[in-house]
Structure formats: structure tokens, C-alpha cells
């Protein structure tokens, strides 16, 4: 079997040069590009680890791990155009914008490249299928439940999201809003956006505490925002007053759990998510499976998925991390 390389790409000429070198080393392998929202984010690094695991199991697969340096659609479009030029076999993208990537991804499909989205989706016409990390409804319920569980008498909560156009966060917040009636006394006082940048997320969290002095919890459905918010709470001396929760990585949230800045948070396993995305991309690109409603596709050790009428599927339920299990998982991802 050909040697597999783990390639981290940026944009522009660097992308093209890196892809050219990778092609020379592993031209007989199926090349699956894992395109993430931005490089340097722990969640996506863990997903890439899972994709590499899947490649090793399947055999004859090269994973190209790439993305822009910031969370913009324009950056992803540049990366995807370079991948199209190099003729990769499949693109699995976590999108920064639902609609902006569609024309470029349609071009990829017209060139015979398999296109799926995962984590954060693109509109249906821009991909063959989408893998949700969990059910949107379950995630929406989970993020408000995590706050409500520690507010038996009710209280004021705020949401710190990623970007205003981030597909997955927007859907989760919508789903959260639908079930607010199940949590009487819980009031969402504001939703702000940190653009998945640590410094801006920190400033937004600080602003929330200043604007709402009686704030009881900050819900951040983003792995960057939740860490920044926990640090902001600690720096403001409000541990025990403001609970930070939402979606995060155990390795990055262990300190917040230990300090009490966060009582609990949830996440699916990003290693499994990258693993599953790679398995699906390979199955479709090799024509072992077809993306159509009702299709069942194997995702290796994770199990299988069944596509709905929109060619979407959910991988698994979110898992709650707290003081009882954080030590077990913080060294894994």
C-alpha cells in the first residue's frame, strides 16, 4: 500500500504546492480532502485524527487536512478551488456559510468529485449528503438543559455563538428556542457572536456580564467560545455566579470544570466525526454506497447511518462531561 501523508494546507500558492507534492507521493491512493472551518482549532485537529484512523482501516486512502486561516467562506472557496484543480477524489467540508460555498462545490461535483458536508452543512444542491454530529433537536435541547439543570429556580442566560452565518450554531439555537417552554423560569436575555475567535469571544462574554449583572449562565455552542467565556468568567471573579456551558472539548475545558467556571458541557466525539466523514466520503467515491433517501451507509466502528429525505443523517447523541468524568477524557481530545 502507498504511503499515506497527513497534509495540513493553507490557502493560495501554498495549497497548490502542497497538493502537488502530496499527489506525487501518493498518486495511487484515493485522496479525500477534509476541509475545516479554520486551521488551528482543536476540535478539527481531533476530527483529522479520526479521518486518519479511518484511512488506515480502509487502506489506499490519503487524507488531506486543510482549511483557511480564518472562519470565512471566501477562505474555504479558495481552498476548494485549489482542491478541484488538483483533482482530489472527495471533499468533506465543514462549512463557514450555508449558501456561499454552493457554486464552488457544484463545480467540484461536475468534475466528478464526491462532495459531502459534515458538522456544519451546505445547502442541499451543494453536496451529495450531510453528516450531522447529532440530531439538531437533541443538541438544541441539550445546550439549554445544561444551563437549566443548575438553575432549579430559573434564571437569566445568554448565548455566545460563532458567526452570524454559521449553519450549525444557528440551527441549534433555533431548536433551543423551540423547547424553552420545557424550562420555565429560564430567560434568554441576549445572543452575541464571537466569530470563533478567542479574543472576540472573550470580549463578548465580558460584555454580557457587564450588560447583565444578574446573568446566571453563558451558553456557547462552539468549542472556541466556551473556553473564552470560561476564562472571562474566571477573570471577572464570577466563578460560582455565572456558569459557562455548551459544546466544548474535554482537553480544553478541563481547567474550567476543575475551577468551577463550568459545571458541565457536552460534545460528540470529534474523532468519531472525522472518522465517520472519511468513511462516508470513501463509500460514495468508490460507489460502494449511493447518496439517496433511505440509503444505509456503514461508518465502520461507529455503526451506520440512514439518510433522510434531504440526504442528511445524524451520527450520535451528545455526551455530557463534568467533574465525574473529565479526567477520563481530557487526555483523549
C-alpha atoms as a PDB file:
ATOM      1  CA  UNK A   1       0.000   0.000   0.000  1.00  0.00           C
ATOM      2  CA  UNK A   2       1.176   3.507  -0.766  1.00  0.00           C
ATOM      3  CA  UNK A   3       2.441   5.711   1.997  1.00  0.00           C
ATOM      4  CA  UNK A   4      -0.297   7.957   3.446  1.00  0.00           C
ATOM      5  CA  UNK A   5       0.580  11.504   4.299  1.00  0.00           C
ATOM      6  CA  UNK A   6      -1.124  13.823   6.765  1.00  0.00           C
ATOM      7  CA  UNK A   7      -1.085  17.147   4.962  1.00  0.00           C
ATOM      8  CA  UNK A   8      -2.064  20.431   6.592  1.00  0.00           C
ATOM      9  CA  UNK A   9      -2.778  23.049   3.936  1.00  0.00           C
ATOM     10  CA  UNK A  10      -3.378  26.755   3.982  1.00  0.00           C
ATOM     11  CA  UNK A  11      -4.544  28.851   1.058  1.00  0.00           C
ATOM     12  CA  UNK A  12      -3.260  30.226  -2.216  1.00  0.00           C
ATOM     13  CA  UNK A  13       0.027  29.046  -3.687  1.00  0.00           C
ATOM     14  CA  UNK A  14       0.850  27.049  -0.581  1.00  0.00           C
ATOM     15  CA  UNK A  15      -2.233  24.901  -1.162  1.00  0.00           C
ATOM     16  CA  UNK A  16      -1.350  24.183  -4.745  1.00  0.00           C
ATOM     17  CA  UNK A  17       2.283  23.450  -3.976  1.00  0.00           C
ATOM     18  CA  UNK A  18       1.443  21.176  -1.066  1.00  0.00           C
ATOM     19  CA  UNK A  19      -1.178  19.309  -3.045  1.00  0.00           C
ATOM     20  CA  UNK A  20       1.225  18.820  -5.938  1.00  0.00           C
ATOM     21  CA  UNK A  21       3.805  17.317  -3.621  1.00  0.00           C
ATOM     22  CA  UNK A  22       1.226  15.076  -1.987  1.00  0.00           C
ATOM     23  CA  UNK A  23      -0.003  13.839  -5.360  1.00  0.00           C
ATOM     24  CA  UNK A  24       3.495  12.833  -6.356  1.00  0.00           C
ATOM     25  CA  UNK A  25       3.941  10.767  -3.200  1.00  0.00           C
ATOM     26  CA  UNK A  26       0.581   9.003  -3.150  1.00  0.00           C
ATOM     27  CA  UNK A  27      -0.948   9.266  -6.608  1.00  0.00           C
ATOM     28  CA  UNK A  28      -2.451   5.764  -6.482  1.00  0.00           C
ATOM     29  CA  UNK A  29      -4.356   6.448  -3.258  1.00  0.00           C
ATOM     30  CA  UNK A  30      -7.904   7.778  -3.110  1.00  0.00           C
ATOM     31  CA  UNK A  31      -7.469  11.370  -1.933  1.00  0.00           C
ATOM     32  CA  UNK A  32     -10.110  12.647   0.485  1.00  0.00           C
ATOM     33  CA  UNK A  33      -9.841  16.322   1.465  1.00  0.00           C
ATOM     34  CA  UNK A  34     -11.112  17.156   4.944  1.00  0.00           C
ATOM     35  CA  UNK A  35     -11.887  20.879   4.679  1.00  0.00           C
ATOM     36  CA  UNK A  36     -12.425  22.515   8.070  1.00  0.00           C
ATOM     37  CA  UNK A  37     -13.711  25.940   9.088  1.00  0.00           C
ATOM     38  CA  UNK A  38     -10.231  27.128  10.024  1.00  0.00           C
ATOM     39  CA  UNK A  39      -6.887  25.616  10.880  1.00  0.00           C
ATOM     40  CA  UNK A  40      -5.604  25.681  14.449  1.00  0.00           C
ATOM     41  CA  UNK A  41      -8.878  24.661  16.167  1.00  0.00           C
ATOM     42  CA  UNK A  42      -8.604  21.664  18.493  1.00  0.00           C
ATOM     43  CA  UNK A  43     -11.978  20.220  17.527  1.00  0.00           C
ATOM     44  CA  UNK A  44     -10.926  19.941  13.896  1.00  0.00           C
ATOM     45  CA  UNK A  45      -7.478  18.630  14.747  1.00  0.00           C
ATOM     46  CA  UNK A  46      -9.230  15.789  16.583  1.00  0.00           C
ATOM     47  CA  UNK A  47     -11.536  15.205  13.600  1.00  0.00           C
ATOM     48  CA  UNK A  48      -8.489  14.921  11.361  1.00  0.00           C
ATOM     49  CA  UNK A  49      -7.071  12.299  13.717  1.00  0.00           C
ATOM     50  CA  UNK A  50     -10.272  10.289  13.259  1.00  0.00           C
ATOM     51  CA  UNK A  51     -10.134  10.662   9.481  1.00  0.00           C
ATOM     52  CA  UNK A  52      -6.573   9.315   9.515  1.00  0.00           C
ATOM     53  CA  UNK A  53      -7.775   6.363  11.597  1.00  0.00           C
ATOM     54  CA  UNK A  54     -10.468   5.610   9.010  1.00  0.00           C
ATOM     55  CA  UNK A  55      -7.944   5.890   6.173  1.00  0.00           C
ATOM     56  CA  UNK A  56      -5.694   3.362   7.880  1.00  0.00           C
ATOM     57  CA  UNK A  57      -8.581   0.928   8.360  1.00  0.00           C
ATOM     58  CA  UNK A  58      -9.858   1.254   4.791  1.00  0.00           C
ATOM     59  CA  UNK A  59      -6.447   1.212   3.116  1.00  0.00           C
ATOM     60  CA  UNK A  60      -5.397   3.020  -0.054  1.00  0.00           C
ATOM     61  CA  UNK A  61      -6.721   6.353   1.230  1.00  0.00           C
ATOM     62  CA  UNK A  62      -4.830   9.610   1.703  1.00  0.00           C
ATOM     63  CA  UNK A  63      -6.340  12.303   3.942  1.00  0.00           C
ATOM     64  CA  UNK A  64      -5.637  15.909   3.005  1.00  0.00           C
ATOM     65  CA  UNK A  65      -6.402  18.054   6.050  1.00  0.00           C
ATOM     66  CA  UNK A  66      -6.930  21.664   5.019  1.00  0.00           C
ATOM     67  CA  UNK A  67      -8.836  24.873   5.613  1.00  0.00           C
ATOM     68  CA  UNK A  68      -8.428  28.637   5.655  1.00  0.00           C
ATOM     69  CA  UNK A  69      -6.616  30.564   8.370  1.00  0.00           C
ATOM     70  CA  UNK A  70      -9.844  32.281   9.447  1.00  0.00           C
ATOM     71  CA  UNK A  71     -13.504  31.312   9.546  1.00  0.00           C
ATOM     72  CA  UNK A  72     -14.643  32.833   6.247  1.00  0.00           C
ATOM     73  CA  UNK A  73     -16.477  31.422   3.252  1.00  0.00           C
ATOM     74  CA  UNK A  74     -14.019  33.217   0.979  1.00  0.00           C
ATOM     75  CA  UNK A  75     -11.108  31.346   2.529  1.00  0.00           C
ATOM     76  CA  UNK A  76     -12.841  27.998   2.102  1.00  0.00           C
ATOM     77  CA  UNK A  77     -13.728  28.777  -1.511  1.00  0.00           C
ATOM     78  CA  UNK A  78     -10.061  29.433  -2.278  1.00  0.00           C
ATOM     79  CA  UNK A  79      -9.064  26.143  -0.671  1.00  0.00           C
ATOM     80  CA  UNK A  80     -11.787  24.189  -2.503  1.00  0.00           C
ATOM     81  CA  UNK A  81     -10.866  25.694  -5.866  1.00  0.00           C
ATOM     82  CA  UNK A  82      -7.290  24.503  -5.356  1.00  0.00           C
ATOM     83  CA  UNK A  83      -8.532  21.019  -4.480  1.00  0.00           C
ATOM     84  CA  UNK A  84     -10.660  20.942  -7.625  1.00  0.00           C
ATOM     85  CA  UNK A  85      -7.648  21.957  -9.716  1.00  0.00           C
ATOM     86  CA  UNK A  86      -5.686  19.055  -8.267  1.00  0.00           C
ATOM     87  CA  UNK A  87      -8.480  16.568  -8.960  1.00  0.00           C
ATOM     88  CA  UNK A  88      -8.989  15.091  -5.488  1.00  0.00           C
ATOM     89  CA  UNK A  89     -11.454  12.214  -5.278  1.00  0.00           C
ATOM     90  CA  UNK A  90     -13.642  13.574  -2.494  1.00  0.00           C
ATOM     91  CA  UNK A  91     -14.201  16.743  -0.476  1.00  0.00           C
ATOM     92  CA  UNK A  92     -15.702  16.583   3.020  1.00  0.00           C
ATOM     93  CA  UNK A  93     -16.335  20.123   4.254  1.00  0.00           C
ATOM     94  CA  UNK A  94     -17.465  21.729   7.496  1.00  0.00           C
ATOM     95  CA  UNK A  95     -18.896  24.925   6.033  1.00  0.00           C
ATOM     96  CA  UNK A  96     -18.495  28.507   7.185  1.00  0.00           C
ATOM     97  CA  UNK A  97     -21.587  29.516   5.191  1.00  0.00           C
ATOM     98  CA  UNK A  98     -24.642  27.538   4.104  1.00  0.00           C
ATOM     99  CA  UNK A  99     -25.007  29.042   0.637  1.00  0.00           C
ATOM    100  CA  UNK A 100     -21.757  30.777  -0.318  1.00  0.00           C
ATOM    101  CA  UNK A 101     -19.871  27.535  -0.986  1.00  0.00           C
ATOM    102  CA  UNK A 102     -22.566  26.036  -3.220  1.00  0.00           C
ATOM    103  CA  UNK A 103     -21.357  27.281  -6.649  1.00  0.00           C
ATOM    104  CA  UNK A 104     -17.802  26.098  -5.980  1.00  0.00           C
ATOM    105  CA  UNK A 105     -18.922  22.728  -4.640  1.00  0.00           C
ATOM    106  CA  UNK A 106     -21.279  22.265  -7.597  1.00  0.00           C
ATOM    107  CA  UNK A 107     -18.274  22.801  -9.839  1.00  0.00           C
ATOM    108  CA  UNK A 108     -16.440  20.105  -7.890  1.00  0.00           C
ATOM    109  CA  UNK A 109     -19.293  17.635  -8.379  1.00  0.00           C
ATOM    110  CA  UNK A 110     -19.452  18.466 -12.085  1.00  0.00           C
ATOM    111  CA  UNK A 111     -15.789  17.451 -12.259  1.00  0.00           C
ATOM    112  CA  UNK A 112     -16.663  14.059 -10.766  1.00  0.00           C
ATOM    113  CA  UNK A 113     -15.524  14.850  -7.205  1.00  0.00           C
ATOM    114  CA  UNK A 114     -17.613  13.389  -4.387  1.00  0.00           C
ATOM    115  CA  UNK A 115     -18.799  16.188  -2.072  1.00  0.00           C
ATOM    116  CA  UNK A 116     -20.221  15.786   1.405  1.00  0.00           C
ATOM    117  CA  UNK A 117     -20.609  18.214   4.268  1.00  0.00           C
ATOM    118  CA  UNK A 118     -20.202  17.329   7.917  1.00  0.00           C
ATOM    119  CA  UNK A 119     -20.522  19.194  11.223  1.00  0.00           C
ATOM    120  CA  UNK A 120     -21.696  22.446   9.594  1.00  0.00           C
ATOM    121  CA  UNK A 121     -23.651  21.872   6.394  1.00  0.00           C
ATOM    122  CA  UNK A 122     -24.085  23.441   2.999  1.00  0.00           C
ATOM    123  CA  UNK A 123     -27.350  23.771   1.112  1.00  0.00           C
ATOM    124  CA  UNK A 124     -28.585  20.532  -0.428  1.00  0.00           C
ATOM    125  CA  UNK A 125     -27.689  21.470  -4.005  1.00  0.00           C
ATOM    126  CA  UNK A 126     -24.047  21.921  -2.986  1.00  0.00           C
ATOM    127  CA  UNK A 127     -23.403  18.422  -1.649  1.00  0.00           C
ATOM    128  CA  UNK A 128     -24.411  14.787  -2.006  1.00  0.00           C
ATOM    129  CA  UNK A 129     -25.146  14.274   1.686  1.00  0.00           C
ATOM    130  CA  UNK A 130     -24.617  15.913   5.064  1.00  0.00           C
ATOM    131  CA  UNK A 131     -23.487  14.271   8.292  1.00  0.00           C
ATOM    132  CA  UNK A 132     -24.782  15.962  11.415  1.00  0.00           C
ATOM    133  CA  UNK A 133     -22.738  15.138  14.520  1.00  0.00           C
ATOM    134  CA  UNK A 134     -26.023  14.558  16.316  1.00  0.00           C
ATOM    135  CA  UNK A 135     -29.687  15.354  15.902  1.00  0.00           C
ATOM    136  CA  UNK A 136     -30.189  19.115  15.732  1.00  0.00           C
ATOM    137  CA  UNK A 137     -33.201  18.818  18.016  1.00  0.00           C
ATOM    138  CA  UNK A 138     -31.250  16.838  20.612  1.00  0.00           C
ATOM    139  CA  UNK A 139     -28.381  19.318  20.551  1.00  0.00           C
ATOM    140  CA  UNK A 140     -30.726  22.296  20.881  1.00  0.00           C
ATOM    141  CA  UNK A 141     -32.395  20.713  23.870  1.00  0.00           C
ATOM    142  CA  UNK A 142     -29.073  19.692  25.387  1.00  0.00           C
ATOM    143  CA  UNK A 143     -27.476  23.142  25.408  1.00  0.00           C
ATOM    144  CA  UNK A 144     -30.381  24.740  27.283  1.00  0.00           C
ATOM    145  CA  UNK A 145     -30.779  21.722  29.566  1.00  0.00           C
ATOM    146  CA  UNK A 146     -27.126  22.007  30.620  1.00  0.00           C
ATOM    147  CA  UNK A 147     -27.841  25.510  31.890  1.00  0.00           C
ATOM    148  CA  UNK A 148     -31.265  24.750  33.352  1.00  0.00           C
ATOM    149  CA  UNK A 149     -30.041  21.718  35.306  1.00  0.00           C
ATOM    150  CA  UNK A 150     -28.021  24.073  37.518  1.00  0.00           C
ATOM    151  CA  UNK A 151     -30.783  26.689  37.810  1.00  0.00           C
ATOM    152  CA  UNK A 152     -33.640  24.908  39.602  1.00  0.00           C
ATOM    153  CA  UNK A 153     -35.299  28.241  40.410  1.00  0.00           C
ATOM    154  CA  UNK A 154     -34.794  29.665  36.920  1.00  0.00           C
ATOM    155  CA  UNK A 155     -32.507  32.481  35.848  1.00  0.00           C
ATOM    156  CA  UNK A 156     -31.082  34.608  33.068  1.00  0.00           C
ATOM    157  CA  UNK A 157     -28.877  33.022  30.412  1.00  0.00           C
ATOM    158  CA  UNK A 158     -27.158  34.371  27.313  1.00  0.00           C
ATOM    159  CA  UNK A 159     -25.848  32.692  24.176  1.00  0.00           C
ATOM    160  CA  UNK A 160     -22.336  33.212  22.795  1.00  0.00           C
ATOM    161  CA  UNK A 161     -22.324  31.746  19.288  1.00  0.00           C
ATOM    162  CA  UNK A 162     -19.773  31.591  16.448  1.00  0.00           C
ATOM    163  CA  UNK A 163     -20.603  33.649  13.341  1.00  0.00           C
ATOM    164  CA  UNK A 164     -23.980  35.023  12.303  1.00  0.00           C
ATOM    165  CA  UNK A 165     -23.869  32.744   9.232  1.00  0.00           C
ATOM    166  CA  UNK A 166     -22.629  29.570  10.941  1.00  0.00           C
ATOM    167  CA  UNK A 167     -25.069  26.909   9.817  1.00  0.00           C
ATOM    168  CA  UNK A 168     -24.917  24.517  12.730  1.00  0.00           C
ATOM    169  CA  UNK A 169     -24.951  27.054  15.569  1.00  0.00           C
ATOM    170  CA  UNK A 170     -27.922  28.876  14.066  1.00  0.00           C
ATOM    171  CA  UNK A 171     -29.922  25.653  13.751  1.00  0.00           C
ATOM    172  CA  UNK A 172     -29.075  24.590  17.322  1.00  0.00           C
ATOM    173  CA  UNK A 173     -30.152  27.959  18.700  1.00  0.00           C
ATOM    174  CA  UNK A 174     -33.432  27.689  16.754  1.00  0.00           C
ATOM    175  CA  UNK A 175     -34.010  24.218  18.187  1.00  0.00           C
ATOM    176  CA  UNK A 176     -33.179  25.503  21.671  1.00  0.00           C
ATOM    177  CA  UNK A 177     -35.787  28.240  21.275  1.00  0.00           C
ATOM    178  CA  UNK A 178     -38.443  25.661  20.366  1.00  0.00           C
ATOM    179  CA  UNK A 179     -38.073  23.836  23.697  1.00  0.00           C
ATOM    180  CA  UNK A 180     -37.774  26.844  26.012  1.00  0.00           C
ATOM    181  CA  UNK A 181     -41.281  26.093  27.285  1.00  0.00           C
ATOM    182  CA  UNK A 182     -39.892  22.951  28.891  1.00  0.00           C
ATOM    183  CA  UNK A 183     -37.661  25.071  31.118  1.00  0.00           C
ATOM    184  CA  UNK A 184     -39.907  27.535  32.975  1.00  0.00           C
ATOM    185  CA  UNK A 185     -38.100  30.431  34.574  1.00  0.00           C
ATOM    186  CA  UNK A 186     -35.144  30.283  32.189  1.00  0.00           C
ATOM    187  CA  UNK A 187     -34.847  33.532  30.212  1.00  0.00           C
ATOM    188  CA  UNK A 188     -32.503  34.060  27.259  1.00  0.00           C
ATOM    189  CA  UNK A 189     -31.526  37.718  27.567  1.00  0.00           C
ATOM    190  CA  UNK A 190     -29.140  38.038  24.609  1.00  0.00           C
ATOM    191  CA  UNK A 191     -27.325  36.262  21.769  1.00  0.00           C
ATOM    192  CA  UNK A 192     -23.897  37.542  20.737  1.00  0.00           C
ATOM    193  CA  UNK A 193     -21.276  36.345  18.243  1.00  0.00           C
ATOM    194  CA  UNK A 194     -17.565  35.794  18.782  1.00  0.00           C
ATOM    195  CA  UNK A 195     -16.805  34.647  15.203  1.00  0.00           C
ATOM    196  CA  UNK A 196     -14.979  31.576  16.588  1.00  0.00           C
ATOM    197  CA  UNK A 197     -12.111  33.880  17.541  1.00  0.00           C
ATOM    198  CA  UNK A 198     -10.826  33.526  21.092  1.00  0.00           C
ATOM    199  CA  UNK A 199     -10.191  37.233  21.710  1.00  0.00           C
ATOM    200  CA  UNK A 200     -13.515  38.413  20.299  1.00  0.00           C
ATOM    201  CA  UNK A 201     -15.405  35.665  22.139  1.00  0.00           C
ATOM    202  CA  UNK A 202     -13.695  36.726  25.374  1.00  0.00           C
ATOM    203  CA  UNK A 203     -14.722  40.356  24.827  1.00  0.00           C
ATOM    204  CA  UNK A 204     -18.304  39.368  24.008  1.00  0.00           C
ATOM    205  CA  UNK A 205     -18.551  37.238  27.170  1.00  0.00           C
ATOM    206  CA  UNK A 206     -17.149  40.074  29.255  1.00  0.00           C
ATOM    207  CA  UNK A 207     -19.663  42.435  27.666  1.00  0.00           C
ATOM    208  CA  UNK A 208     -22.526  40.102  28.544  1.00  0.00           C
ATOM    209  CA  UNK A 209     -21.568  40.086  32.229  1.00  0.00           C
ATOM    210  CA  UNK A 210     -21.295  43.872  32.234  1.00  0.00           C
ATOM    211  CA  UNK A 211     -24.608  44.388  30.443  1.00  0.00           C
ATOM    212  CA  UNK A 212     -26.477  41.812  32.545  1.00  0.00           C
ATOM    213  CA  UNK A 213     -25.121  41.901  36.109  1.00  0.00           C
ATOM    214  CA  UNK A 214     -27.626  39.226  37.189  1.00  0.00           C
ATOM    215  CA  UNK A 215     -26.595  36.824  34.441  1.00  0.00           C
ATOM    216  CA  UNK A 216     -26.569  33.200  35.643  1.00  0.00           C
ATOM    217  CA  UNK A 217     -25.169  31.297  32.665  1.00  0.00           C
ATOM    218  CA  UNK A 218     -23.470  31.690  29.303  1.00  0.00           C
ATOM    219  CA  UNK A 219     -24.264  29.034  26.698  1.00  0.00           C
ATOM    220  CA  UNK A 220     -21.601  28.724  23.990  1.00  0.00           C
ATOM    221  CA  UNK A 221     -22.394  26.115  21.293  1.00  0.00           C
ATOM    222  CA  UNK A 222     -18.841  26.460  19.943  1.00  0.00           C
ATOM    223  CA  UNK A 223     -15.585  24.963  21.207  1.00  0.00           C
ATOM    224  CA  UNK A 224     -13.747  28.285  20.834  1.00  0.00           C
ATOM    225  CA  UNK A 225     -16.408  30.401  22.507  1.00  0.00           C
ATOM    226  CA  UNK A 226     -16.932  28.172  25.529  1.00  0.00           C
ATOM    227  CA  UNK A 227     -13.243  28.266  26.509  1.00  0.00           C
ATOM    228  CA  UNK A 228     -13.061  32.034  26.054  1.00  0.00           C
ATOM    229  CA  UNK A 229     -16.243  32.547  28.085  1.00  0.00           C
ATOM    230  CA  UNK A 230     -14.949  30.376  30.932  1.00  0.00           C
ATOM    231  CA  UNK A 231     -11.758  32.438  31.040  1.00  0.00           C
ATOM    232  CA  UNK A 232     -13.769  35.658  31.023  1.00  0.00           C
ATOM    233  CA  UNK A 233     -15.859  34.427  33.974  1.00  0.00           C
ATOM    234  CA  UNK A 234     -12.735  33.465  35.906  1.00  0.00           C
ATOM    235  CA  UNK A 235     -11.056  36.808  35.185  1.00  0.00           C
ATOM    236  CA  UNK A 236     -14.182  38.685  36.264  1.00  0.00           C
ATOM    237  CA  UNK A 237     -14.187  36.841  39.599  1.00  0.00           C
ATOM    238  CA  UNK A 238     -17.618  35.376  38.871  1.00  0.00           C
ATOM    239  CA  UNK A 239     -16.948  31.668  39.329  1.00  0.00           C
ATOM    240  CA  UNK A 240     -19.964  30.339  41.195  1.00  0.00           C
ATOM    241  CA  UNK A 241     -22.131  33.188  39.906  1.00  0.00           C
ATOM    242  CA  UNK A 242     -22.028  32.634  36.140  1.00  0.00           C
ATOM    243  CA  UNK A 243     -21.933  29.063  34.840  1.00  0.00           C
ATOM    244  CA  UNK A 244     -20.421  28.543  31.395  1.00  0.00           C
ATOM    245  CA  UNK A 245     -21.793  25.633  29.404  1.00  0.00           C
ATOM    246  CA  UNK A 246     -22.465  24.499  25.847  1.00  0.00           C
ATOM    247  CA  UNK A 247     -20.283  22.498  23.472  1.00  0.00           C
ATOM    248  CA  UNK A 248     -16.553  22.085  24.077  1.00  0.00           C
ATOM    249  CA  UNK A 249     -13.555  19.763  24.093  1.00  0.00           C
ATOM    250  CA  UNK A 250     -12.611  17.920  27.306  1.00  0.00           C
ATOM    251  CA  UNK A 251      -8.915  18.757  26.849  1.00  0.00           C
ATOM    252  CA  UNK A 252      -9.697  22.466  26.582  1.00  0.00           C
ATOM    253  CA  UNK A 253     -12.433  22.576  29.241  1.00  0.00           C
ATOM    254  CA  UNK A 254     -10.771  20.502  31.970  1.00  0.00           C
ATOM    255  CA  UNK A 255      -9.452  23.604  33.734  1.00  0.00           C
ATOM    256  CA  UNK A 256     -12.859  25.270  33.666  1.00  0.00           C
ATOM    257  CA  UNK A 257     -14.501  22.184  35.155  1.00  0.00           C
ATOM    258  CA  UNK A 258     -11.837  21.969  37.851  1.00  0.00           C
ATOM    259  CA  UNK A 259     -12.105  25.684  38.711  1.00  0.00           C
ATOM    260  CA  UNK A 260     -15.908  25.647  38.741  1.00  0.00           C
ATOM    261  CA  UNK A 261     -16.265  28.151  35.890  1.00  0.00           C
ATOM    262  CA  UNK A 262     -18.193  25.380  34.122  1.00  0.00           C
ATOM    263  CA  UNK A 263     -20.381  22.810  35.874  1.00  0.00           C
ATOM    264  CA  UNK A 264     -20.848  20.665  32.765  1.00  0.00           C
ATOM    265  CA  UNK A 265     -20.742  20.772  28.979  1.00  0.00           C
ATOM    266  CA  UNK A 266     -21.375  18.396  26.093  1.00  0.00           C
ATOM    267  CA  UNK A 267     -19.870  17.339  22.786  1.00  0.00           C
ATOM    268  CA  UNK A 268     -19.910  14.424  20.410  1.00  0.00           C
ATOM    269  CA  UNK A 269     -16.560  12.823  19.892  1.00  0.00           C
ATOM    270  CA  UNK A 270     -14.844  14.805  17.093  1.00  0.00           C
ATOM    271  CA  UNK A 271     -12.508  11.878  16.466  1.00  0.00           C
ATOM    272  CA  UNK A 272     -15.565   9.767  15.620  1.00  0.00           C
ATOM    273  CA  UNK A 273     -16.973  12.600  13.495  1.00  0.00           C
ATOM    274  CA  UNK A 274     -13.882  12.882  11.303  1.00  0.00           C
ATOM    275  CA  UNK A 275     -13.670   9.095  11.151  1.00  0.00           C
ATOM    276  CA  UNK A 276     -17.300   8.833  10.011  1.00  0.00           C
ATOM    277  CA  UNK A 277     -16.943  11.629   7.423  1.00  0.00           C
ATOM    278  CA  UNK A 278     -13.949   9.872   5.877  1.00  0.00           C
ATOM    279  CA  UNK A 279     -15.786   6.541   5.801  1.00  0.00           C
ATOM    280  CA  UNK A 280     -18.800   8.087   4.077  1.00  0.00           C
ATOM    281  CA  UNK A 281     -16.693  10.021   1.561  1.00  0.00           C
ATOM    282  CA  UNK A 282     -14.831   6.840   0.667  1.00  0.00           C
ATOM    283  CA  UNK A 283     -18.047   4.805   0.336  1.00  0.00           C
ATOM    284  CA  UNK A 284     -19.589   7.340  -2.037  1.00  0.00           C
ATOM    285  CA  UNK A 285     -16.433   7.997  -4.054  1.00  0.00           C
ATOM    286  CA  UNK A 286     -15.829   4.266  -4.513  1.00  0.00           C
ATOM    287  CA  UNK A 287     -19.531   3.747  -5.367  1.00  0.00           C
ATOM    288  CA  UNK A 288     -19.882   1.240  -2.539  1.00  0.00           C
ATOM    289  CA  UNK A 289     -22.858   3.356  -1.445  1.00  0.00           C
ATOM    290  CA  UNK A 290     -25.154   5.896  -3.057  1.00  0.00           C
ATOM    291  CA  UNK A 291     -26.380   9.140  -1.507  1.00  0.00           C
ATOM    292  CA  UNK A 292     -30.145   8.825  -1.729  1.00  0.00           C
ATOM    293  CA  UNK A 293     -33.025   8.966   0.754  1.00  0.00           C
ATOM    294  CA  UNK A 294     -33.264   5.782   2.793  1.00  0.00           C
ATOM    295  CA  UNK A 295     -29.725   4.660   1.969  1.00  0.00           C
ATOM    296  CA  UNK A 296     -27.863   2.989   4.822  1.00  0.00           C
ATOM    297  CA  UNK A 297     -24.123   3.656   4.879  1.00  0.00           C
ATOM    298  CA  UNK A 298     -21.608   1.919   7.125  1.00  0.00           C
ATOM    299  CA  UNK A 299     -19.364   4.147   9.231  1.00  0.00           C
ATOM    300  CA  UNK A 300     -17.041   1.446  10.490  1.00  0.00           C
ATOM    301  CA  UNK A 301     -16.708   1.058  14.242  1.00  0.00           C
ATOM    302  CA  UNK A 302     -19.241   3.878  14.845  1.00  0.00           C
ATOM    303  CA  UNK A 303     -22.037   1.837  13.241  1.00  0.00           C
ATOM    304  CA  UNK A 304     -24.151   3.051  10.330  1.00  0.00           C
ATOM    305  CA  UNK A 305     -26.297   5.983   9.266  1.00  0.00           C
ATOM    306  CA  UNK A 306     -29.546   6.198   7.298  1.00  0.00           C
ATOM    307  CA  UNK A 307     -30.131   9.196   5.039  1.00  0.00           C
ATOM    308  CA  UNK A 308     -33.374  11.150   5.376  1.00  0.00           C
ATOM    309  CA  UNK A 309     -35.347  12.838   2.603  1.00  0.00           C
ATOM    310  CA  UNK A 310     -32.782  15.659   2.473  1.00  0.00           C
ATOM    311  CA  UNK A 311     -29.858  13.215   2.323  1.00  0.00           C
ATOM    312  CA  UNK A 312     -28.892  14.085   5.884  1.00  0.00           C
ATOM    313  CA  UNK A 313     -28.047  11.779   8.777  1.00  0.00           C
ATOM    314  CA  UNK A 314     -27.060  12.060  12.439  1.00  0.00           C
ATOM    315  CA  UNK A 315     -24.013  10.312  13.849  1.00  0.00           C
ATOM    316  CA  UNK A 316     -24.752  10.090  17.599  1.00  0.00           C
ATOM    317  CA  UNK A 317     -26.202  11.803  20.680  1.00  0.00           C
ATOM    318  CA  UNK A 318     -24.172  14.474  22.533  1.00  0.00           C
ATOM    319  CA  UNK A 319     -22.317  13.271  25.635  1.00  0.00           C
ATOM    320  CA  UNK A 320     -22.129  15.234  28.896  1.00  0.00           C
ATOM    321  CA  UNK A 321     -18.774  15.913  30.556  1.00  0.00           C
ATOM    322  CA  UNK A 322     -18.456  17.089  34.158  1.00  0.00           C
ATOM    323  CA  UNK A 323     -16.273  16.625  37.227  1.00  0.00           C
ATOM    324  CA  UNK A 324     -17.146  12.926  37.372  1.00  0.00           C
ATOM    325  CA  UNK A 325     -15.559  12.056  34.017  1.00  0.00           C
ATOM    326  CA  UNK A 326     -13.402  14.940  32.791  1.00  0.00           C
ATOM    327  CA  UNK A 327     -10.153  13.266  33.869  1.00  0.00           C
ATOM    328  CA  UNK A 328     -11.007  10.227  31.794  1.00  0.00           C
ATOM    329  CA  UNK A 329     -11.438  12.165  28.575  1.00  0.00           C
ATOM    330  CA  UNK A 330      -9.197  15.238  28.824  1.00  0.00           C
ATOM    331  CA  UNK A 331      -6.149  13.382  27.549  1.00  0.00           C
ATOM    332  CA  UNK A 332      -8.024  11.944  24.551  1.00  0.00           C
ATOM    333  CA  UNK A 333      -9.329  15.052  22.773  1.00  0.00           C
END
